[in-house]
Protein backbone atom coordinates (compact mmCIF):
# COMPACT_ATOMS: atom_id res chain seq x y z
CA MET A 1 103.41 125.33 97.59
CA ALA A 2 102.80 123.42 94.34
CA PHE A 3 105.71 121.06 95.01
CA LEU A 4 104.01 119.76 98.18
CA LEU A 5 101.40 117.85 96.18
CA PRO A 6 103.88 115.44 94.50
CA LEU A 7 105.47 114.86 97.91
CA ILE A 8 102.08 113.87 99.36
CA LEU A 9 101.42 111.59 96.37
CA PHE A 10 104.92 110.17 96.80
CA GLY A 11 104.21 109.31 100.43
CA GLN A 12 100.87 107.71 99.57
CA SER A 13 102.34 105.59 96.79
CA LEU A 14 105.12 104.45 99.16
CA ASP A 15 102.42 103.21 101.57
CA ILE A 16 100.69 101.39 98.70
CA LEU A 17 104.02 99.82 97.71
CA LYS A 18 104.51 98.55 101.27
CA LYS A 19 101.06 96.93 101.17
CA TYR A 20 101.87 95.37 97.80
CA ALA A 21 105.14 94.01 99.18
CA LYS A 22 103.21 92.21 101.93
CA GLU A 23 100.65 90.87 99.44
CA ARG A 24 103.35 89.76 97.02
CA LYS A 25 104.77 87.44 99.68
CA GLN A 26 101.34 85.80 100.00
CA LYS A 27 100.03 85.77 96.41
CA GLY A 28 103.19 85.62 94.33
CA TYR A 29 103.32 86.79 90.73
CA LYS A 30 99.85 88.38 90.55
CA CYS A 31 101.08 91.41 92.53
CA LEU A 32 104.28 91.68 90.51
CA VAL A 33 102.54 93.61 87.73
CA GLY A 34 100.86 95.91 90.24
CA SER A 35 104.11 96.68 92.00
CA ALA A 36 105.85 97.31 88.68
CA ILE A 37 103.14 99.84 87.74
CA LEU A 38 103.41 101.48 91.16
CA SER A 39 107.18 101.78 90.98
CA PHE A 40 106.78 103.38 87.54
CA LEU A 41 104.35 105.88 89.10
CA LEU A 42 106.91 106.51 91.86
CA LEU A 43 109.50 107.31 89.21
CA ILE A 44 107.11 109.78 87.56
CA ASN A 45 106.47 111.39 90.97
CA ILE A 46 110.21 111.81 91.56
CA ILE A 47 110.62 113.45 88.14
CA VAL A 48 107.67 115.78 88.86
CA ILE A 49 109.20 116.71 92.22
CA ILE A 50 112.53 117.52 90.56
CA ILE A 51 110.85 119.63 87.86
CA ALA A 52 108.43 121.37 90.23
CA SER A 53 110.93 122.18 92.97
CA PRO A 54 112.34 125.70 92.66
CA SER A 55 116.05 125.40 91.95
């Protein structure tokens, strides 16, 4: 059950990334840093999912 939490976080951060993609088209470079941080968090979530999932 513990590996469900990173999956939920992964889904939420994907939604946030979609919102940032829309904002980036409007605002330009200001959202670039935010999306870079979010994609780094996505990478951490993927690693956590791989570690936490029973193999």
